[in-house]
């Protein structure tokens, strides 16, 4: 594991790192960031920058619906979601649910290399505009050729930072939901209604450890989401909460809002709401 990831994920090494003089810490991040920022010099970036710039503030002042992937999505009134006509942002393997939803999301966000490696068709077969992590997908020619697939570079930081400009990259945090909120901010949405953010995983194990599923998936909306034999990374719920708080602060600082309408969701960071009331109030 490279030094940056060790420092970022280990409390012990992070404490040592923070004891170093500030100029050394800044120098280290600067060197690492320059290597990661190389994505903006690639052919991929050059070919997609015009389309990416067209998405900046495209939905300024609008409301969107963000679909996380928890089991509670199975209880969603999709007729209500469709009738709202709000743009919908989906995550990772949301393509599995399009038949039940009766529509495809307007946008898709994927950051995990294991998802991209195992399920590229879930991304390329959707007509959605897709934001995919550059470092995870740059070797996948199937995704690189997608005209509506934007590969976004990961920015480095040992703090919890929030990107407001996707042309300069995003911060992965510990969850795809965090990357999605940065894409949503970039597109100018004023209000985000989240559903499916159960924030509750029953599979035991250390956070961020890669595992192979031994059976049906109880943590997502479909048992085959990460079903038997599929590789996936265990979540870091505490790390996710840290980044959710940063996202909430970024939105509120700009007079925007994030409302969590997940049925039975255990995340306590965002303001809570009721989906029927949030969508019904618009008609």
Protein backbone atom coordinates (compact mmCIF):
# COMPACT_ATOMS: atom_id res chain seq x y z
CA UNK A 1 0.00 0.00 0.00
CA UNK A 2 1.42 3.41 -0.94
CA UNK A 3 2.29 5.90 1.79
CA UNK A 4 -0.59 8.25 1.02
CA UNK A 5 -3.21 5.53 1.59
CA UNK A 6 -1.50 4.34 4.76
CA UNK A 7 -1.52 7.86 6.21
CA UNK A 8 -5.09 8.52 5.07
CA UNK A 9 -6.56 5.35 6.56
CA UNK A 10 -4.45 4.76 9.68
CA UNK A 11 -4.95 6.87 12.82
CA UNK A 12 -1.46 5.98 14.05
CA UNK A 13 0.36 7.04 10.89
CA UNK A 14 -1.90 10.03 10.45
CA UNK A 15 -0.87 11.25 13.91
CA UNK A 16 2.80 10.93 12.91
CA UNK A 17 2.13 12.73 9.64
CA UNK A 18 0.39 15.63 11.40
CA UNK A 19 3.40 16.02 13.68
CA UNK A 20 5.62 16.83 10.69
CA UNK A 21 6.33 20.47 9.81
CA UNK A 22 3.61 22.01 7.64
CA UNK A 23 5.94 22.67 4.69
CA UNK A 24 6.90 18.96 4.51
CA UNK A 25 3.24 17.91 4.51
CA UNK A 26 2.40 20.41 1.79
CA UNK A 27 5.38 19.34 -0.30
CA UNK A 28 4.36 15.69 -0.11
CA UNK A 29 0.76 16.35 -1.16
CA UNK A 30 1.95 18.69 -3.92
CA UNK A 31 4.21 16.01 -5.40
CA UNK A 32 1.48 13.37 -5.22
CA UNK A 33 -1.16 15.73 -6.62
CA UNK A 34 0.94 16.60 -9.65
CA UNK A 35 1.10 12.94 -10.57
CA UNK A 36 -2.64 12.52 -10.17
CA UNK A 37 -3.39 15.78 -12.01
CA UNK A 38 -1.71 14.27 -15.06
CA UNK A 39 -5.18 13.08 -16.15
CA UNK A 40 -5.87 16.62 -17.38
CA UNK A 41 -3.08 16.22 -19.91
CA UNK A 42 -4.46 13.02 -21.39
CA UNK A 43 -6.34 12.54 -24.65
CA UNK A 44 -9.32 11.36 -22.63
CA UNK A 45 -9.58 14.68 -20.79
CA UNK A 46 -9.12 16.70 -23.98
CA UNK A 47 -11.89 14.79 -25.74
CA UNK A 48 -14.41 15.21 -22.92
CA UNK A 49 -13.71 18.68 -21.54
CA UNK A 50 -16.12 20.46 -23.88
CA UNK A 51 -18.99 18.18 -22.84
CA UNK A 52 -18.06 18.45 -19.18
CA UNK A 53 -18.06 22.24 -19.35
CA UNK A 54 -21.56 22.16 -20.84
CA UNK A 55 -22.76 20.37 -17.70
CA UNK A 56 -21.52 23.14 -15.38
CA UNK A 57 -24.62 24.76 -13.82
CA UNK A 58 -26.87 23.05 -16.38
CA UNK A 59 -29.44 22.49 -13.62
CA UNK A 60 -28.87 25.70 -11.68
CA UNK A 61 -31.61 26.18 -9.08
CA UNK A 62 -33.29 22.82 -9.76
CA UNK A 63 -34.13 19.87 -7.51
CA UNK A 64 -32.76 16.37 -8.13
CA UNK A 65 -33.26 12.91 -6.67
CA UNK A 66 -30.19 10.89 -5.66
CA UNK A 67 -30.66 7.13 -5.57
CA UNK A 68 -28.30 5.39 -3.17
CA UNK A 69 -28.38 1.58 -3.30
CA UNK A 70 -29.77 0.41 0.05
CA UNK A 71 -32.51 -2.24 0.48
CA UNK A 72 -35.04 0.48 1.30
CA UNK A 73 -35.19 1.33 -2.43
CA UNK A 74 -37.42 -1.73 -2.76
CA UNK A 75 -40.12 0.21 -0.88
CA UNK A 76 -39.97 3.25 -3.16
CA UNK A 77 -43.07 4.55 -4.95
CA UNK A 78 -41.57 4.83 -8.43
CA UNK A 79 -44.76 6.35 -9.85
CA UNK A 80 -44.23 9.24 -7.47
CA UNK A 81 -40.59 9.62 -8.50
CA UNK A 82 -41.46 9.51 -12.22
CA UNK A 83 -44.29 12.01 -11.87
CA UNK A 84 -41.98 14.51 -10.16
CA UNK A 85 -39.98 14.80 -13.40
CA UNK A 86 -36.94 15.76 -11.34
CA UNK A 87 -33.57 14.68 -12.77
CA UNK A 88 -32.41 11.44 -11.15
CA UNK A 89 -28.82 10.50 -10.27
CA UNK A 90 -28.06 6.81 -9.77
CA UNK A 91 -25.01 5.05 -8.35
CA UNK A 92 -22.94 2.00 -9.24
CA UNK A 93 -25.24 -0.91 -10.24
CA UNK A 94 -28.52 1.04 -10.37
CA UNK A 95 -28.97 -0.42 -13.90
CA UNK A 96 -30.24 -3.58 -12.17
CA UNK A 97 -33.30 -1.63 -10.99
CA UNK A 98 -34.30 0.21 -14.17
CA UNK A 99 -36.93 -2.39 -15.09
CA UNK A 100 -38.70 -1.95 -11.76
CA UNK A 101 -38.28 1.84 -11.80
CA UNK A 102 -39.60 2.12 -15.34
CA UNK A 103 -36.93 4.62 -16.34
CA UNK A 104 -33.18 5.12 -16.51
CA UNK A 105 -31.45 7.71 -14.33
CA UNK A 106 -30.42 10.92 -16.03
CA UNK A 107 -26.94 10.60 -14.53
CA UNK A 108 -24.80 7.79 -13.14
CA UNK A 109 -21.80 7.99 -10.79
CA UNK A 110 -19.28 5.17 -10.29
CA UNK A 111 -15.90 5.35 -8.51
CA UNK A 112 -14.98 1.85 -7.30
CA UNK A 113 -12.48 -0.10 -9.42
CA UNK A 114 -14.08 -3.43 -8.45
CA UNK A 115 -17.47 -2.27 -9.77
CA UNK A 116 -15.93 -0.99 -13.00
CA UNK A 117 -13.83 -4.11 -13.54
CA UNK A 118 -16.69 -6.56 -12.98
CA UNK A 119 -19.68 -4.66 -14.38
CA UNK A 120 -18.67 -2.30 -17.20
CA UNK A 121 -21.91 -3.17 -19.04
CA UNK A 122 -23.92 -1.66 -16.18
CA UNK A 123 -22.33 1.64 -17.14
CA UNK A 124 -22.01 1.50 -20.91
CA UNK A 125 -25.50 0.07 -21.56
CA UNK A 126 -27.27 2.98 -19.86
CA UNK A 127 -28.14 6.07 -21.88
CA UNK A 128 -27.34 8.20 -18.83
CA UNK A 129 -24.57 10.76 -18.70
CA UNK A 130 -22.04 8.98 -16.50
CA UNK A 131 -19.32 10.28 -14.19
CA UNK A 132 -16.71 7.57 -13.65
CA UNK A 133 -13.46 7.72 -11.71
CA UNK A 134 -10.54 8.15 -14.11
CA UNK A 135 -8.00 6.12 -12.12
CA UNK A 136 -10.40 3.19 -11.88
CA UNK A 137 -11.53 3.20 -15.51
CA UNK A 138 -8.72 4.59 -17.69
CA UNK A 139 -7.59 1.12 -18.82
CA UNK A 140 -11.14 0.07 -19.77
CA UNK A 141 -11.44 0.86 -23.49
CA UNK A 142 -15.16 0.04 -23.42
CA UNK A 143 -15.78 2.97 -21.08
CA UNK A 144 -13.24 5.31 -22.64
CA UNK A 145 -15.13 5.18 -25.93
CA UNK A 146 -18.49 6.16 -24.44
CA UNK A 147 -19.44 9.62 -25.69
CA UNK A 148 -21.54 10.37 -22.60
CA UNK A 149 -19.08 8.89 -20.11
CA UNK A 150 -16.91 11.44 -18.31
CA UNK A 151 -13.80 10.14 -16.58
CA UNK A 152 -13.08 12.34 -13.55
CA UNK A 153 -9.67 12.43 -11.91
CA UNK A 154 -9.27 11.88 -8.17
CA UNK A 155 -7.76 14.75 -6.21
CA UNK A 156 -5.55 14.12 -3.19
CA UNK A 157 -5.96 15.52 0.27
CA UNK A 158 -5.38 14.31 3.81
CA UNK A 159 -8.31 16.39 4.92
CA UNK A 160 -11.96 16.04 3.95
CA UNK A 161 -12.23 18.34 0.94
CA UNK A 162 -15.13 18.94 -1.45
CA UNK A 163 -14.69 19.75 -5.13
CA UNK A 164 -17.02 22.27 -6.75
CA UNK A 165 -15.37 21.97 -10.18
CA UNK A 166 -15.25 18.56 -11.85
CA UNK A 167 -12.89 19.84 -14.54
CA UNK A 168 -10.29 19.86 -11.76
CA UNK A 169 -11.33 16.46 -10.41
CA UNK A 170 -13.18 15.24 -7.34
CA UNK A 171 -12.40 13.75 -3.92
CA UNK A 172 -13.46 10.13 -3.55
CA UNK A 173 -14.07 10.22 0.20
CA UNK A 174 -15.12 6.75 1.34
CA UNK A 175 -18.32 6.43 -0.66
CA UNK A 176 -19.67 6.92 -4.17
CA UNK A 177 -22.45 9.04 -2.66
CA UNK A 178 -19.86 11.68 -1.79
CA UNK A 179 -18.55 11.77 -5.37
CA UNK A 180 -22.13 12.07 -6.61
CA UNK A 181 -22.80 15.07 -4.36
CA UNK A 182 -19.80 16.83 -5.91
CA UNK A 183 -21.14 16.13 -9.41
CA UNK A 184 -24.56 17.39 -8.32
CA UNK A 185 -23.04 20.58 -6.93
CA UNK A 186 -21.10 21.11 -10.17
CA UNK A 187 -24.30 20.85 -12.22
CA UNK A 188 -25.89 23.56 -10.10
CA UNK A 189 -28.71 21.71 -8.35
CA UNK A 190 -30.22 23.71 -5.52
CA UNK A 191 -31.83 20.84 -3.62
CA UNK A 192 -30.94 17.15 -3.35
CA UNK A 193 -33.49 14.57 -2.22
CA UNK A 194 -31.76 11.33 -1.22
CA UNK A 195 -33.43 7.93 -1.03
CA UNK A 196 -31.86 4.52 -0.45
CA UNK A 197 -29.17 5.79 1.93
CA UNK A 198 -29.74 3.04 4.49
CA UNK A 199 -26.24 3.51 5.94
CA UNK A 200 -26.46 0.04 7.43
CA UNK A 201 -24.39 -2.98 6.39
CA UNK A 202 -24.92 -6.34 8.06
CA UNK A 203 -21.88 -8.06 6.50
CA UNK A 204 -19.12 -8.09 9.18
CA UNK A 205 -15.49 -7.18 8.59
CA UNK A 206 -12.94 -4.36 8.70
CA UNK A 207 -13.77 -1.18 6.81
CA UNK A 208 -12.44 -0.91 3.23
CA UNK A 209 -11.28 -4.54 3.15
CA UNK A 210 -11.86 -6.32 -0.17
CA UNK A 211 -13.94 -9.49 0.22
CA UNK A 212 -15.66 -12.06 -1.99
CA UNK A 213 -19.36 -12.47 -1.36
CA UNK A 214 -20.37 -15.95 -0.20
CA UNK A 215 -24.08 -15.62 -0.89
CA UNK A 216 -26.94 -13.26 -1.61
CA UNK A 217 -26.38 -9.56 -0.91
CA UNK A 218 -28.43 -8.29 2.08
CA UNK A 219 -26.89 -4.80 1.97
CA UNK A 220 -28.31 -3.53 -1.32
CA UNK A 221 -31.61 -3.44 -3.20
CA UNK A 222 -31.04 -6.75 -5.01
CA UNK A 223 -29.55 -10.05 -3.73
CA UNK A 224 -27.37 -10.24 -6.87
CA UNK A 225 -26.01 -6.71 -6.46
CA UNK A 226 -22.84 -8.09 -4.87
CA UNK A 227 -24.00 -11.70 -5.04
CA UNK A 228 -22.07 -14.93 -4.58
CA UNK A 229 -18.56 -14.84 -6.00
CA UNK A 230 -18.50 -11.05 -6.53
CA UNK A 231 -15.60 -9.01 -5.15
CA UNK A 232 -16.43 -5.84 -3.25
CA UNK A 233 -15.02 -3.54 -0.56
CA UNK A 234 -16.58 -3.37 2.90
CA UNK A 235 -17.87 0.14 3.71
CA UNK A 236 -16.37 2.68 6.08
CA UNK A 237 -19.49 4.14 7.67
CA UNK A 238 -17.63 6.46 10.05
CA UNK A 239 -15.41 7.74 7.24
CA UNK A 240 -18.51 8.26 5.09
CA UNK A 241 -20.16 10.32 7.82
CA UNK A 242 -17.13 12.58 7.99
CA UNK A 243 -17.37 13.33 4.29
CA UNK A 244 -21.16 13.66 4.36
CA UNK A 245 -20.74 16.43 6.92
CA UNK A 246 -18.31 18.20 4.57
CA UNK A 247 -20.80 17.90 1.70
CA UNK A 248 -23.64 19.21 3.85
CA UNK A 249 -21.55 22.20 4.91
CA UNK A 250 -20.57 22.94 1.29
CA UNK A 251 -24.20 22.91 0.18
CA UNK A 252 -25.47 25.00 3.07
CA UNK A 253 -22.66 27.53 2.67
CA UNK A 254 -23.95 28.11 -0.86
CA UNK A 255 -27.58 28.25 0.33
CA UNK A 256 -28.37 24.81 -1.06
CA UNK A 257 -29.84 21.82 0.74
CA UNK A 258 -29.62 18.02 1.03
CA UNK A 259 -32.71 16.21 2.36
CA UNK A 260 -32.49 12.54 3.33
CA UNK A 261 -35.84 10.84 2.65
CA UNK A 262 -34.59 7.27 3.12
CA UNK A 263 -37.12 4.99 4.81
CA UNK A 264 -35.51 3.83 8.06
CA UNK A 265 -32.12 5.22 7.06
CA UNK A 266 -29.54 5.33 9.85
CA UNK A 267 -27.44 8.23 8.58
CA UNK A 268 -27.92 11.19 10.94
CA UNK A 269 -25.85 13.77 9.05
CA UNK A 270 -28.38 15.22 6.61
CA UNK A 271 -31.69 16.84 7.44
CA UNK A 272 -34.51 14.28 7.34
CA UNK A 273 -37.59 14.50 5.17
CA UNK A 274 -40.53 12.51 3.82
CA UNK A 275 -40.45 11.62 0.12
CA UNK A 276 -44.19 12.10 -0.39
CA UNK A 277 -44.09 15.50 1.26
CA UNK A 278 -40.94 16.58 -0.59
CA UNK A 279 -42.23 15.55 -4.01
CA UNK A 280 -45.91 16.16 -3.41
CA UNK A 281 -45.26 19.73 -2.28
CA UNK A 282 -43.97 20.52 -5.76
CA UNK A 283 -47.34 19.95 -7.49
